Amino acid sequence: MAEVLLFHHAQGLTPGVAAFAEELRTAGHTVHTPDLYDGRTFATLAEGLAYAEEIGFDEVMERGIRAAQELPSELVYAGFSLGVLPAQRLAQTRPGAHGALLF
């Protein structure tokens, strides 16, 4: 089974993202779901993107990279929409990456 670092989309760590992570866990994978928005979620994509712009897309990326630093390097990186940014970067640059799922 894989150890997965799953990044949420622009609306934040919503119940849908949590449910997807739980499906992976049920299948036997270990899944980490860092909250890049410090607990905030948004009802619409426009609101979520506005928040990402407010804190800065570079900051969103850096939060994802910092989350990975606390975990082993042998991970599968996964991201939905906005979460693809840190997932792809880590998969391409962090030694030990086992793969990437970019949704």
PDB file of N, CA and C in Angstrom:
ATOM      1  N   MET A   1       0.828  -1.180   0.000  1.00  0.00           N
ATOM      2  CA  MET A   1       0.000   0.000   0.000  1.00  0.00           C
ATOM      3  C   MET A   1       0.877   1.250   0.000  1.00  0.00           C
ATOM      4  N   ALA A   2       0.289   2.345  -0.445  1.00  0.00           N
ATOM      5  CA  ALA A   2       1.041   3.591  -0.606  1.00  0.00           C
ATOM      6  C   ALA A   2       0.781   4.553   0.556  1.00  0.00           C
ATOM      7  N   GLU A   3       1.741   5.445   0.737  1.00  0.00           N
ATOM      8  CA  GLU A   3       1.556   6.580   1.634  1.00  0.00           C
ATOM      9  C   GLU A   3       1.367   7.794   0.740  1.00  0.00           C
ATOM     10  N   VAL A   4       0.244   8.479   0.932  1.00  0.00           N
ATOM     11  CA  VAL A   4      -0.189   9.543   0.017  1.00  0.00           C
ATOM     12  C   VAL A   4      -0.271  10.873   0.759  1.00  0.00           C
ATOM     13  N   LEU A   5       0.238  11.902   0.123  1.00  0.00           N
ATOM     14  CA  LEU A   5       0.063  13.273   0.605  1.00  0.00           C
ATOM     15  C   LEU A   5      -0.909  13.941  -0.358  1.00  0.00           C
ATOM     16  N   LEU A   6      -2.131  14.193   0.124  1.00  0.00           N
ATOM     17  CA  LEU A   6      -3.229  14.683  -0.711  1.00  0.00           C
ATOM     18  C   LEU A   6      -3.526  16.143  -0.404  1.00  0.00           C
ATOM     19  N   PHE A   7      -3.410  16.986  -1.428  1.00  0.00           N
ATOM     20  CA  PHE A   7      -3.682  18.416  -1.279  1.00  0.00           C
ATOM     21  C   PHE A   7      -5.069  18.772  -1.808  1.00  0.00           C
ATOM     22  N   HIS A   8      -5.762  19.598  -1.057  1.00  0.00           N
ATOM     23  CA  HIS A   8      -7.125  20.001  -1.409  1.00  0.00           C
ATOM     24  C   HIS A   8      -7.161  21.007  -2.549  1.00  0.00           C
ATOM     25  N   HIS A   9      -8.369  21.233  -3.046  1.00  0.00           N
ATOM     26  CA  HIS A   9      -8.626  22.182  -4.135  1.00  0.00           C
ATOM     27  C   HIS A   9      -8.845  23.587  -3.577  1.00  0.00           C
ATOM     28  N   ALA A  10      -9.209  24.497  -4.447  1.00  0.00           N
ATOM     29  CA  ALA A  10      -9.310  25.914  -4.081  1.00  0.00           C
ATOM     30  C   ALA A  10     -10.387  26.199  -3.036  1.00  0.00           C
ATOM     31  N   GLN A  11     -11.360  25.313  -2.865  1.00  0.00           N
ATOM     32  CA  GLN A  11     -12.392  25.551  -1.873  1.00  0.00           C
ATOM     33  C   GLN A  11     -11.967  25.115  -0.469  1.00  0.00           C
ATOM     34  N   GLY A  12     -10.793  24.549  -0.353  1.00  0.00           N
ATOM     35  CA  GLY A  12     -10.276  24.157   0.948  1.00  0.00           C
ATOM     36  C   GLY A  12     -10.452  22.678   1.218  1.00  0.00           C
ATOM     37  N   LEU A  13     -10.187  22.310   2.448  1.00  0.00           N
ATOM     38  CA  LEU A  13     -10.285  20.913   2.866  1.00  0.00           C
ATOM     39  C   LEU A  13     -11.750  20.612   3.180  1.00  0.00           C
ATOM     40  N   THR A  14     -12.503  20.397   2.132  1.00  0.00           N
ATOM     41  CA  THR A  14     -13.957  20.211   2.215  1.00  0.00           C
ATOM     42  C   THR A  14     -14.308  18.772   2.589  1.00  0.00           C
ATOM     43  N   PRO A  15     -15.565  18.528   2.955  1.00  0.00           N
ATOM     44  CA  PRO A  15     -15.992  17.154   3.235  1.00  0.00           C
ATOM     45  C   PRO A  15     -15.765  16.206   2.047  1.00  0.00           C
ATOM     46  N   GLY A  16     -15.865  16.715   0.832  1.00  0.00           N
ATOM     47  CA  GLY A  16     -15.625  15.866  -0.335  1.00  0.00           C
ATOM     48  C   GLY A  16     -14.186  15.390  -0.419  1.00  0.00           C
ATOM     49  N   VAL A  17     -13.244  16.274  -0.137  1.00  0.00           N
ATOM     50  CA  VAL A  17     -11.826  15.896  -0.139  1.00  0.00           C
ATOM     51  C   VAL A  17     -11.567  14.904   0.998  1.00  0.00           C
ATOM     52  N   ALA A  18     -12.147  15.173   2.160  1.00  0.00           N
ATOM     53  CA  ALA A  18     -11.989  14.260   3.299  1.00  0.00           C
ATOM     54  C   ALA A  18     -12.573  12.886   2.982  1.00  0.00           C
ATOM     55  N   ALA A  19     -13.698  12.856   2.285  1.00  0.00           N
ATOM     56  CA  ALA A  19     -14.319  11.574   1.907  1.00  0.00           C
ATOM     57  C   ALA A  19     -13.442  10.808   0.922  1.00  0.00           C
ATOM     58  N   PHE A  20     -12.826  11.513  -0.019  1.00  0.00           N
ATOM     59  CA  PHE A  20     -11.921  10.860  -0.964  1.00  0.00           C
ATOM     60  C   PHE A  20     -10.734  10.255  -0.219  1.00  0.00           C
ATOM     61  N   ALA A  21     -10.176  11.010   0.712  1.00  0.00           N
ATOM     62  CA  ALA A  21      -9.055  10.515   1.506  1.00  0.00           C
ATOM     63  C   ALA A  21      -9.468   9.275   2.299  1.00  0.00           C
ATOM     64  N   GLU A  22     -10.666   9.296   2.833  1.00  0.00           N
ATOM     65  CA  GLU A  22     -11.147   8.154   3.606  1.00  0.00           C
ATOM     66  C   GLU A  22     -11.326   6.911   2.723  1.00  0.00           C
ATOM     67  N   GLU A  23     -11.746   7.103   1.494  1.00  0.00           N
ATOM     68  CA  GLU A  23     -11.851   5.970   0.553  1.00  0.00           C
ATOM     69  C   GLU A  23     -10.483   5.339   0.327  1.00  0.00           C
ATOM     70  N   LEU A  24      -9.469   6.169   0.184  1.00  0.00           N
ATOM     71  CA  LEU A  24      -8.110   5.645   0.018  1.00  0.00           C
ATOM     72  C   LEU A  24      -7.659   4.901   1.277  1.00  0.00           C
ATOM     73  N   ARG A  25      -7.996   5.449   2.431  1.00  0.00           N
ATOM     74  CA  ARG A  25      -7.637   4.778   3.684  1.00  0.00           C
ATOM     75  C   ARG A  25      -8.338   3.428   3.805  1.00  0.00           C
ATOM     76  N   THR A  26      -9.593   3.395   3.430  1.00  0.00           N
ATOM     77  CA  THR A  26     -10.357   2.152   3.479  1.00  0.00           C
ATOM     78  C   THR A  26      -9.727   1.092   2.583  1.00  0.00           C
ATOM     79  N   ALA A  27      -9.114   1.533   1.497  1.00  0.00           N
ATOM     80  CA  ALA A  27      -8.429   0.614   0.582  1.00  0.00           C
ATOM     81  C   ALA A  27      -7.059   0.197   1.116  1.00  0.00           C
ATOM     82  N   GLY A  28      -6.649   0.729   2.269  1.00  0.00           N
ATOM     83  CA  GLY A  28      -5.409   0.317   2.898  1.00  0.00           C
ATOM     84  C   GLY A  28      -4.244   1.282   2.800  1.00  0.00           C
ATOM     85  N   HIS A  29      -4.465   2.439   2.198  1.00  0.00           N
ATOM     86  CA  HIS A  29      -3.391   3.420   2.054  1.00  0.00           C
ATOM     87  C   HIS A  29      -3.333   4.338   3.284  1.00  0.00           C
ATOM     88  N   THR A  30      -2.173   4.878   3.536  1.00  0.00           N
ATOM     89  CA  THR A  30      -2.015   5.921   4.543  1.00  0.00           C
ATOM     90  C   THR A  30      -2.133   7.251   3.811  1.00  0.00           C
ATOM     91  N   VAL A  31      -3.012   8.127   4.291  1.00  0.00           N
ATOM     92  CA  VAL A  31      -3.272   9.380   3.584  1.00  0.00           C
ATOM     93  C   VAL A  31      -3.152  10.559   4.545  1.00  0.00           C
ATOM     94  N   HIS A  32      -2.372  11.536   4.133  1.00  0.00           N
ATOM     95  CA  HIS A  32      -2.203  12.785   4.876  1.00  0.00           C
ATOM     96  C   HIS A  32      -2.921  13.885   4.103  1.00  0.00           C
ATOM     97  N   THR A  33      -3.689  14.707   4.806  1.00  0.00           N
ATOM     98  CA  THR A  33      -4.449  15.781   4.161  1.00  0.00           C
ATOM     99  C   THR A  33      -4.169  17.109   4.861  1.00  0.00           C
ATOM    100  N   PRO A  34      -3.056  17.737   4.542  1.00  0.00           N
ATOM    101  CA  PRO A  34      -2.765  19.022   5.181  1.00  0.00           C
ATOM    102  C   PRO A  34      -3.777  20.081   4.754  1.00  0.00           C
ATOM    103  N   ASP A  35      -4.070  20.973   5.673  1.00  0.00           N
ATOM    104  CA  ASP A  35      -5.000  22.063   5.393  1.00  0.00           C
ATOM    105  C   ASP A  35      -4.198  23.306   5.038  1.00  0.00           C
ATOM    106  N   LEU A  36      -4.137  23.620   3.773  1.00  0.00           N
ATOM    107  CA  LEU A  36      -3.353  24.762   3.300  1.00  0.00           C
ATOM    108  C   LEU A  36      -4.045  26.097   3.563  1.00  0.00           C
ATOM    109  N   TYR A  37      -5.283  26.047   4.025  1.00  0.00           N
ATOM    110  CA  TYR A  37      -6.066  27.260   4.268  1.00  0.00           C
ATOM    111  C   TYR A  37      -6.330  27.503   5.753  1.00  0.00           C
ATOM    112  N   ASP A  38      -5.659  26.812   6.647  1.00  0.00           N
ATOM    113  CA  ASP A  38      -5.827  27.015   8.097  1.00  0.00           C
ATOM    114  C   ASP A  38      -7.282  26.922   8.546  1.00  0.00           C
ATOM    115  N   GLY A  39      -7.984  25.903   8.056  1.00  0.00           N
ATOM    116  CA  GLY A  39      -9.347  25.657   8.499  1.00  0.00           C
ATOM    117  C   GLY A  39     -10.447  26.348   7.715  1.00  0.00           C
ATOM    118  N   ARG A  40     -10.086  27.195   6.794  1.00  0.00           N
ATOM    119  CA  ARG A  40     -11.111  27.904   6.027  1.00  0.00           C
ATOM    120  C   ARG A  40     -11.548  27.065   4.836  1.00  0.00           C
ATOM    121  N   THR A  41     -12.847  27.068   4.574  1.00  0.00           N
ATOM    122  CA  THR A  41     -13.404  26.472   3.362  1.00  0.00           C
ATOM    123  C   THR A  41     -14.336  27.491   2.731  1.00  0.00           C
ATOM    124  N   PHE A  42     -14.614  27.284   1.448  1.00  0.00           N
ATOM    125  CA  PHE A  42     -15.397  28.262   0.697  1.00  0.00           C
ATOM    126  C   PHE A  42     -16.482  27.557  -0.104  1.00  0.00           C
ATOM    127  N   ALA A  43     -17.649  28.174  -0.151  1.00  0.00           N
ATOM    128  CA  ALA A  43     -18.801  27.583  -0.825  1.00  0.00           C
ATOM    129  C   ALA A  43     -18.659  27.584  -2.339  1.00  0.00           C
ATOM    130  N   THR A  44     -17.891  28.547  -2.859  1.00  0.00           N
ATOM    131  CA  THR A  44     -17.755  28.624  -4.315  1.00  0.00           C
ATOM    132  C   THR A  44     -16.282  28.632  -4.716  1.00  0.00           C
ATOM    133  N   LEU A  45     -16.052  28.229  -5.944  1.00  0.00           N
ATOM    134  CA  LEU A  45     -14.704  28.250  -6.489  1.00  0.00           C
ATOM    135  C   LEU A  45     -14.156  29.675  -6.506  1.00  0.00           C
ATOM    136  N   ALA A  46     -14.997  30.637  -6.885  1.00  0.00           N
ATOM    137  CA  ALA A  46     -14.556  32.037  -6.951  1.00  0.00           C
ATOM    138  C   ALA A  46     -14.081  32.528  -5.581  1.00  0.00           C
ATOM    139  N   GLU A  47     -14.813  32.188  -4.521  1.00  0.00           N
ATOM    140  CA  GLU A  47     -14.408  32.603  -3.176  1.00  0.00           C
ATOM    141  C   GLU A  47     -13.087  31.946  -2.771  1.00  0.00           C
ATOM    142  N   GLY A  48     -12.936  30.665  -3.087  1.00  0.00           N
ATOM    143  CA  GLY A  48     -11.709  29.960  -2.759  1.00  0.00           C
ATOM    144  C   GLY A  48     -10.510  30.506  -3.506  1.00  0.00           C
ATOM    145  N   LEU A  49     -10.689  30.794  -4.781  1.00  0.00           N
ATOM    146  CA  LEU A  49      -9.603  31.373  -5.566  1.00  0.00           C
ATOM    147  C   LEU A  49      -9.247  32.770  -5.080  1.00  0.00           C
ATOM    148  N   ALA A  50     -10.253  33.529  -4.679  1.00  0.00           N
ATOM    149  CA  ALA A  50      -9.985  34.867  -4.141  1.00  0.00           C
ATOM    150  C   ALA A  50      -9.137  34.771  -2.880  1.00  0.00           C
ATOM    151  N   TYR A  51      -9.408  33.782  -2.037  1.00  0.00           N
ATOM    152  CA  TYR A  51      -8.605  33.608  -0.832  1.00  0.00           C
ATOM    153  C   TYR A  51      -7.179  33.187  -1.193  1.00  0.00           C
ATOM    154  N   ALA A  52      -7.044  32.275  -2.152  1.00  0.00           N
ATOM    155  CA  ALA A  52      -5.707  31.852  -2.597  1.00  0.00           C
ATOM    156  C   ALA A  52      -4.924  33.043  -3.139  1.00  0.00           C
ATOM    157  N   GLU A  53      -5.584  33.906  -3.875  1.00  0.00           N
ATOM    158  CA  GLU A  53      -4.918  35.110  -4.381  1.00  0.00           C
ATOM    159  C   GLU A  53      -4.531  36.043  -3.240  1.00  0.00           C
ATOM    160  N   GLU A  54      -5.411  36.128  -2.230  1.00  0.00           N
ATOM    161  CA  GLU A  54      -5.145  37.005  -1.082  1.00  0.00           C
ATOM    162  C   GLU A  54      -3.887  36.567  -0.327  1.00  0.00           C
ATOM    163  N   ILE A  55      -3.763  35.275  -0.060  1.00  0.00           N
ATOM    164  CA  ILE A  55      -2.576  34.810   0.662  1.00  0.00           C
ATOM    165  C   ILE A  55      -1.396  34.591  -0.282  1.00  0.00           C
ATOM    166  N   GLY A  56      -1.690  34.454  -1.569  1.00  0.00           N
ATOM    167  CA  GLY A  56      -0.662  34.286  -2.586  1.00  0.00           C
ATOM    168  C   GLY A  56      -0.488  32.823  -2.982  1.00  0.00           C
ATOM    169  N   PHE A  57      -0.449  32.585  -4.283  1.00  0.00           N
ATOM    170  CA  PHE A  57      -0.280  31.221  -4.774  1.00  0.00           C
ATOM    171  C   PHE A  57       1.081  30.656  -4.350  1.00  0.00           C
ATOM    172  N   ASP A  58       2.086  31.510  -4.254  1.00  0.00           N
ATOM    173  CA  ASP A  58       3.390  31.048  -3.781  1.00  0.00           C
ATOM    174  C   ASP A  58       3.292  30.565  -2.335  1.00  0.00           C
ATOM    175  N   GLU A  59       2.496  31.247  -1.528  1.00  0.00           N
ATOM    176  CA  GLU A  59       2.318  30.839  -0.130  1.00  0.00           C
ATOM    177  C   GLU A  59       1.569  29.506  -0.048  1.00  0.00           C
ATOM    178  N   VAL A  60       0.574  29.318  -0.896  1.00  0.00           N
ATOM    179  CA  VAL A  60      -0.132  28.035  -0.937  1.00  0.00           C
ATOM    180  C   VAL A  60       0.872  26.921  -1.248  1.00  0.00           C
ATOM    181  N   MET A  61       1.716  27.150  -2.237  1.00  0.00           N
ATOM    182  CA  MET A  61       2.735  26.175  -2.616  1.00  0.00           C
ATOM    183  C   MET A  61       3.684  25.904  -1.453  1.00  0.00           C
ATOM    184  N   GLU A  62       4.151  26.950  -0.795  1.00  0.00           N
ATOM    185  CA  GLU A  62       5.096  26.789   0.312  1.00  0.00           C
ATOM    186  C   GLU A  62       4.467  26.035   1.490  1.00  0.00           C
ATOM    187  N   ARG A  63       3.196  26.270   1.738  1.00  0.00           N
ATOM    188  CA  ARG A  63       2.515  25.536   2.808  1.00  0.00           C
ATOM    189  C   ARG A  63       2.497  24.044   2.494  1.00  0.00           C
ATOM    190  N   GLY A  64       2.277  23.712   1.240  1.00  0.00           N
ATOM    191  CA  GLY A  64       2.305  22.314   0.837  1.00  0.00           C
ATOM    192  C   GLY A  64       3.680  21.701   0.989  1.00  0.00           C
ATOM    193  N   ILE A  65       4.689  22.438   0.611  1.00  0.00           N
ATOM    194  CA  ILE A  65       6.064  21.946   0.722  1.00  0.00           C
ATOM    195  C   ILE A  65       6.439  21.755   2.191  1.00  0.00           C
ATOM    196  N   ARG A  66       6.032  22.698   3.040  1.00  0.00           N
ATOM    197  CA  ARG A  66       6.310  22.551   4.475  1.00  0.00           C
ATOM    198  C   ARG A  66       5.600  21.327   5.059  1.00  0.00           C
ATOM    199  N   ALA A  67       4.397  21.060   4.603  1.00  0.00           N
ATOM    200  CA  ALA A  67       3.662  19.883   5.086  1.00  0.00           C
ATOM    201  C   ALA A  67       4.410  18.604   4.737  1.00  0.00           C
ATOM    202  N   ALA A  68       5.021  18.562   3.572  1.00  0.00           N
ATOM    203  CA  ALA A  68       5.754  17.371   3.140  1.00  0.00           C
ATOM    204  C   ALA A  68       7.014  17.160   3.962  1.00  0.00           C
ATOM    205  N   GLN A  69       7.622  18.217   4.439  1.00  0.00           N
ATOM    206  CA  GLN A  69       8.879  18.107   5.177  1.00  0.00           C
ATOM    207  C   GLN A  69       8.742  17.305   6.456  1.00  0.00           C
ATOM    208  N   GLU A  70       7.539  17.220   6.984  1.00  0.00           N
ATOM    209  CA  GLU A  70       7.302  16.486   8.222  1.00  0.00           C
ATOM    210  C   GLU A  70       7.064  14.996   7.977  1.00  0.00           C
ATOM    211  N   LEU A  71       7.044  14.582   6.717  1.00  0.00           N
ATOM    212  CA  LEU A  71       6.700  13.211   6.346  1.00  0.00           C
ATOM    213  C   LEU A  71       7.873  12.510   5.687  1.00  0.00           C
ATOM    214  N   PRO A  72       7.813  11.189   5.598  1.00  0.00           N
ATOM    215  CA  PRO A  72       8.876  10.473   4.886  1.00  0.00           C
ATOM    216  C   PRO A  72       8.931  10.906   3.425  1.00  0.00           C
ATOM    217  N   SER A  73      10.058  10.710   2.793  1.00  0.00           N
ATOM    218  CA  SER A  73      10.190  11.141   1.395  1.00  0.00           C
ATOM    219  C   SER A  73       9.536  10.178   0.415  1.00  0.00           C
ATOM    220  N   GLU A  74       9.275   8.952   0.821  1.00  0.00           N
ATOM    221  CA  GLU A  74       8.697   7.951  -0.079  1.00  0.00           C
ATOM    222  C   GLU A  74       7.174   8.090  -0.080  1.00  0.00           C
ATOM    223  N   LEU A  75       6.689   9.056  -0.841  1.00  0.00           N
ATOM    224  CA  LEU A  75       5.260   9.363  -0.893  1.00  0.00           C
ATOM    225  C   LEU A  75       4.746   9.365  -2.325  1.00  0.00           C
ATOM    226  N   VAL A  76       3.445   9.182  -2.433  1.00  0.00           N
ATOM    227  CA  VAL A  76       2.726   9.507  -3.653  1.00  0.00           C
ATOM    228  C   VAL A  76       2.084  10.866  -3.377  1.00  0.00           C
ATOM    229  N   TYR A  77       2.316  11.814  -4.253  1.00  0.00           N
ATOM    230  CA  TYR A  77       1.764  13.160  -4.097  1.00  0.00           C
ATOM    231  C   TYR A  77       0.503  13.272  -4.936  1.00  0.00           C
ATOM    232  N   ALA A  78      -0.554  13.803  -4.326  1.00  0.00           N
ATOM    233  CA  ALA A  78      -1.825  13.924  -5.025  1.00  0.00           C
ATOM    234  C   ALA A  78      -2.416  15.297  -4.769  1.00  0.00           C
ATOM    235  N   GLY A  79      -3.110  15.833  -5.761  1.00  0.00           N
ATOM    236  CA  GLY A  79      -3.739  17.130  -5.587  1.00  0.00           C
ATOM    237  C   GLY A  79      -4.920  17.313  -6.508  1.00  0.00           C
ATOM    238  N   PHE A  80      -5.925  17.976  -5.987  1.00  0.00           N
ATOM    239  CA  PHE A  80      -7.092  18.374  -6.769  1.00  0.00           C
ATOM    240  C   PHE A  80      -6.938  19.837  -7.150  1.00  0.00           C
ATOM    241  N   SER A  81      -7.053  20.155  -8.424  1.00  0.00           N
ATOM    242  CA  SER A  81      -7.087  21.528  -8.908  1.00  0.00           C
ATOM    243  C   SER A  81      -5.917  22.343  -8.340  1.00  0.00           C
ATOM    244  N   LEU A  82      -6.167  23.289  -7.480  1.00  0.00           N
ATOM    245  CA  LEU A  82      -5.119  24.115  -6.885  1.00  0.00           C
ATOM    246  C   LEU A  82      -4.073  23.251  -6.178  1.00  0.00           C
ATOM    247  N   GLY A  83      -4.497  22.141  -5.611  1.00  0.00           N
ATOM    248  CA  GLY A  83      -3.588  21.241  -4.916  1.00  0.00           C
ATOM    249  C   GLY A  83      -2.585  20.552  -5.825  1.00  0.00           C
ATOM    250  N   VAL A  84      -2.827  20.627  -7.135  1.00  0.00           N
ATOM    251  CA  VAL A  84      -1.869  20.070  -8.086  1.00  0.00           C
ATOM    252  C   VAL A  84      -0.545  20.840  -8.024  1.00  0.00           C
ATOM    253  N   LEU A  85      -0.605  22.129  -7.705  1.00  0.00           N
ATOM    254  CA  LEU A  85       0.622  22.935  -7.679  1.00  0.00           C
ATOM    255  C   LEU A  85       1.669  22.344  -6.739  1.00  0.00           C
ATOM    256  N   PRO A  86       1.370  22.166  -5.448  1.00  0.00           N
ATOM    257  CA  PRO A  86       2.402  21.574  -4.595  1.00  0.00           C
ATOM    258  C   PRO A  86       2.644  20.099  -4.892  1.00  0.00           C
ATOM    259  N   ALA A  87       1.610  19.359  -5.281  1.00  0.00           N
ATOM    260  CA  ALA A  87       1.789  17.929  -5.561  1.00  0.00           C
ATOM    261  C   ALA A  87       2.759  17.710  -6.720  1.00  0.00           C
ATOM    262  N   GLN A  88       2.574  18.451  -7.793  1.00  0.00           N
ATOM    263  CA  GLN A  88       3.450  18.279  -8.955  1.00  0.00           C
ATOM    264  C   GLN A  88       4.873  18.724  -8.628  1.00  0.00           C
ATOM    265  N   ARG A  89       4.991  19.842  -7.960  1.00  0.00           N
ATOM    266  CA  ARG A  89       6.336  20.326  -7.632  1.00  0.00           C
ATOM    267  C   ARG A  89       7.092  19.320  -6.767  1.00  0.00           C
ATOM    268  N   LEU A  90       6.428  18.792  -5.747  1.00  0.00           N
ATOM    269  CA  LEU A  90       7.074  17.829  -4.869  1.00  0.00           C
ATOM    270  C   LEU A  90       7.409  16.540  -5.606  1.00  0.00           C
ATOM    271  N   ALA A  91       6.508  16.073  -6.440  1.00  0.00           N
ATOM    272  CA  ALA A  91       6.757  14.839  -7.189  1.00  0.00           C
ATOM    273  C   ALA A  91       7.953  14.990  -8.122  1.00  0.00           C
ATOM    274  N   GLN A  92       8.149  16.184  -8.642  1.00  0.00           N
ATOM    275  CA  GLN A  92       9.244  16.420  -9.577  1.00  0.00           C
ATOM    276  C   GLN A  92      10.563  16.762  -8.902  1.00  0.00           C
ATOM    277  N   THR A  93      10.521  17.242  -7.670  1.00  0.00           N
ATOM    278  CA  THR A  93      11.750  17.754  -7.069  1.00  0.00           C
ATOM    279  C   THR A  93      12.171  17.066  -5.778  1.00  0.00           C
ATOM    280  N   ARG A  94      11.271  16.392  -5.110  1.00  0.00           N
ATOM    281  CA  ARG A  94      11.634  15.793  -3.822  1.00  0.00           C
ATOM    282  C   ARG A  94      12.104  14.354  -4.043  1.00  0.00           C
ATOM    283  N   PRO A  95      13.321  14.056  -3.665  1.00  0.00           N
ATOM    284  CA  PRO A  95      13.813  12.683  -3.830  1.00  0.00           C
ATOM    285  C   PRO A  95      12.929  11.681  -3.093  1.00  0.00           C
ATOM    286  N   GLY A  96      12.744  10.525  -3.694  1.00  0.00           N
ATOM    287  CA  GLY A  96      11.966   9.460  -3.080  1.00  0.00           C
ATOM    288  C   GLY A  96      10.523   9.391  -3.508  1.00  0.00           C
ATOM    289  N   ALA A  97      10.076  10.344  -4.314  1.00  0.00           N
ATOM    290  CA  ALA A  97       8.666  10.349  -4.746  1.00  0.00           C
ATOM    291  C   ALA A  97       8.336   9.043  -5.458  1.00  0.00           C
ATOM    292  N   HIS A  98       7.202   8.481  -5.089  1.00  0.00           N
ATOM    293  CA  HIS A  98       6.748   7.235  -5.710  1.00  0.00           C
ATOM    294  C   HIS A  98       5.771   7.470  -6.843  1.00  0.00           C
ATOM    295  N   GLY A  99       5.257   8.678  -6.965  1.00  0.00           N
ATOM    296  CA  GLY A  99       4.329   8.969  -8.045  1.00  0.00           C
ATOM    297  C   GLY A  99       3.524  10.215  -7.764  1.00  0.00           C
ATOM    298  N   ALA A 100       2.653  10.526  -8.712  1.00  0.00           N
ATOM    299  CA  ALA A 100       1.790  11.695  -8.570  1.00  0.00           C
ATOM    300  C   ALA A 100       0.412  11.398  -9.150  1.00  0.00           C
ATOM    301  N   LEU A 101      -0.595  11.882  -8.466  1.00  0.00           N
ATOM    302  CA  LEU A 101      -1.974  11.838  -8.952  1.00  0.00           C
ATOM    303  C   LEU A 101      -2.429  13.285  -9.032  1.00  0.00           C
ATOM    304  N   LEU A 102      -2.615  13.768 -10.241  1.00  0.00           N
ATOM    305  CA  LEU A 102      -2.936  15.186 -10.446  1.00  0.00           C
ATOM    306  C   LEU A 102      -4.344  15.279 -11.031  1.00  0.00           C
ATOM    307  N   PHE A 103      -5.281  15.673 -10.174  1.00  0.00           N
ATOM    308  CA  PHE A 103      -6.688  15.727 -10.573  1.00  0.00           C
ATOM    309  C   PHE A 103      -7.090  17.151 -10.892  1.00  0.00           C
TER     310      PHE A 103
END
